[in-house]
Amino acid sequence: MLQPLGDRVIIEITKPKEQTVGGIVLASNAKQKPQTGTVVAVGPGKLGADGKTIKPSVKKGDEVLYDKYSGTSVKYDGKSLLVLHDKDIAAIVK
């Protein structure tokens, strides 16, 4: 498994729905880029000005909403993953 460094977080991207509520199948170019996913790994945090580690605000297993064009997309073990900074996560979905 990938281990993120610093304040980075690895998210497994939620696959977009293939159909609308009305049953219409969407073309691949009509689908929006997903903005939710599940946290699969969290880095140890970043160093603050005082030399202490500031831990990320999410933990493994959290479902999160992240900024639309943030992070780096990677394929690993056949999964679509996104590596991004903790600050690019907008909310935890409850």
Protein backbone atom coordinates (compact mmCIF):
# COMPACT_ATOMS: atom_id res chain seq x y z
CA MET A 1 0.00 0.00 0.00
CA LEU A 2 1.06 3.58 -0.54
CA GLN A 3 2.07 5.56 2.58
CA PRO A 4 1.53 9.32 2.26
CA LEU A 5 4.13 11.73 3.62
CA GLY A 6 3.62 14.92 5.61
CA ASP A 7 0.04 16.20 5.66
CA ARG A 8 -0.99 14.25 2.57
CA VAL A 9 -4.02 11.97 2.45
CA ILE A 10 -4.82 9.17 -0.01
CA ILE A 11 -8.46 8.87 -1.04
CA GLU A 12 -10.18 6.12 -3.02
CA ILE A 13 -12.36 8.01 -5.46
CA THR A 14 -16.10 7.27 -5.45
CA LYS A 15 -17.17 6.09 -8.90
CA PRO A 16 -19.68 8.42 -10.59
CA LYS A 17 -23.17 7.07 -11.22
CA GLU A 18 -23.80 5.70 -14.70
CA GLN A 19 -27.47 6.71 -14.77
CA THR A 20 -29.58 9.62 -13.62
CA VAL A 21 -32.56 9.16 -11.31
CA GLY A 22 -34.82 9.07 -14.39
CA GLY A 23 -32.85 6.16 -15.84
CA ILE A 24 -30.98 8.10 -18.55
CA VAL A 25 -27.49 6.70 -19.18
CA LEU A 26 -24.87 9.46 -19.21
CA ALA A 27 -22.05 9.66 -21.74
CA SER A 28 -18.57 9.66 -20.18
CA ASN A 29 -17.92 13.29 -21.18
CA ALA A 30 -21.20 14.42 -19.54
CA LYS A 31 -20.26 13.07 -16.12
CA GLN A 32 -18.82 15.45 -13.58
CA LYS A 33 -15.54 14.68 -11.89
CA PRO A 34 -16.38 13.03 -8.56
CA GLN A 35 -15.66 15.05 -5.43
CA THR A 36 -16.16 12.38 -2.78
CA GLY A 37 -14.14 9.43 -1.68
CA THR A 38 -12.99 7.29 1.21
CA VAL A 39 -9.72 7.93 3.05
CA VAL A 40 -7.45 4.88 2.71
CA ALA A 41 -4.22 6.29 4.21
CA VAL A 42 -3.14 9.36 6.16
CA GLY A 43 0.34 10.84 6.55
CA PRO A 44 1.83 11.67 9.96
CA GLY A 45 1.19 15.42 9.59
CA LYS A 46 3.24 18.51 8.89
CA LEU A 47 5.64 20.37 11.13
CA GLY A 48 4.37 23.63 12.56
CA ALA A 49 6.50 26.72 13.15
CA ASP A 50 7.12 25.56 16.73
CA GLY A 51 8.51 22.21 15.52
CA LYS A 52 5.49 20.19 16.69
CA THR A 53 3.60 17.89 14.32
CA ILE A 54 0.14 19.07 13.25
CA LYS A 55 -1.91 15.94 12.52
CA PRO A 56 -4.34 15.79 9.56
CA SER A 57 -8.01 16.35 10.41
CA VAL A 58 -9.23 13.05 8.89
CA LYS A 59 -8.62 9.39 9.63
CA LYS A 60 -8.65 6.17 7.62
CA GLY A 61 -12.20 5.17 6.68
CA ASP A 62 -13.67 8.70 6.67
CA GLU A 63 -15.86 9.58 3.69
CA VAL A 64 -14.82 13.06 2.55
CA LEU A 65 -15.72 15.83 0.13
CA TYR A 66 -12.66 17.42 -1.51
CA ASP A 67 -11.91 20.41 -3.74
CA LYS A 68 -12.79 19.75 -7.38
CA TYR A 69 -9.39 20.09 -9.06
CA SER A 70 -7.08 19.20 -6.18
CA GLY A 71 -4.55 16.44 -5.75
CA THR A 72 -2.77 13.99 -7.99
CA SER A 73 -4.70 11.09 -9.53
CA VAL A 74 -2.95 7.70 -9.49
CA LYS A 75 -3.89 4.12 -10.34
CA TYR A 76 -2.61 1.59 -7.80
CA ASP A 77 -3.65 -2.06 -7.50
CA GLY A 78 -6.44 -1.41 -10.01
CA LYS A 79 -7.97 1.36 -7.88
CA SER A 80 -8.39 5.04 -8.72
CA LEU A 81 -6.72 7.00 -5.94
CA LEU A 82 -6.17 10.67 -5.25
CA VAL A 83 -3.22 11.99 -3.25
CA LEU A 84 -3.91 15.42 -1.80
CA HIS A 85 -3.06 17.72 1.10
CA ASP A 86 -5.24 17.78 4.19
CA LYS A 87 -6.12 21.43 3.47
CA ASP A 88 -7.79 20.37 0.17
CA ILE A 89 -10.45 18.36 2.04
CA ALA A 90 -13.59 20.47 2.46
CA ALA A 91 -15.72 18.24 4.71
CA ILE A 92 -16.29 14.84 6.27
CA VAL A 93 -19.54 13.23 5.07
CA LYS A 94 -21.57 11.84 7.98
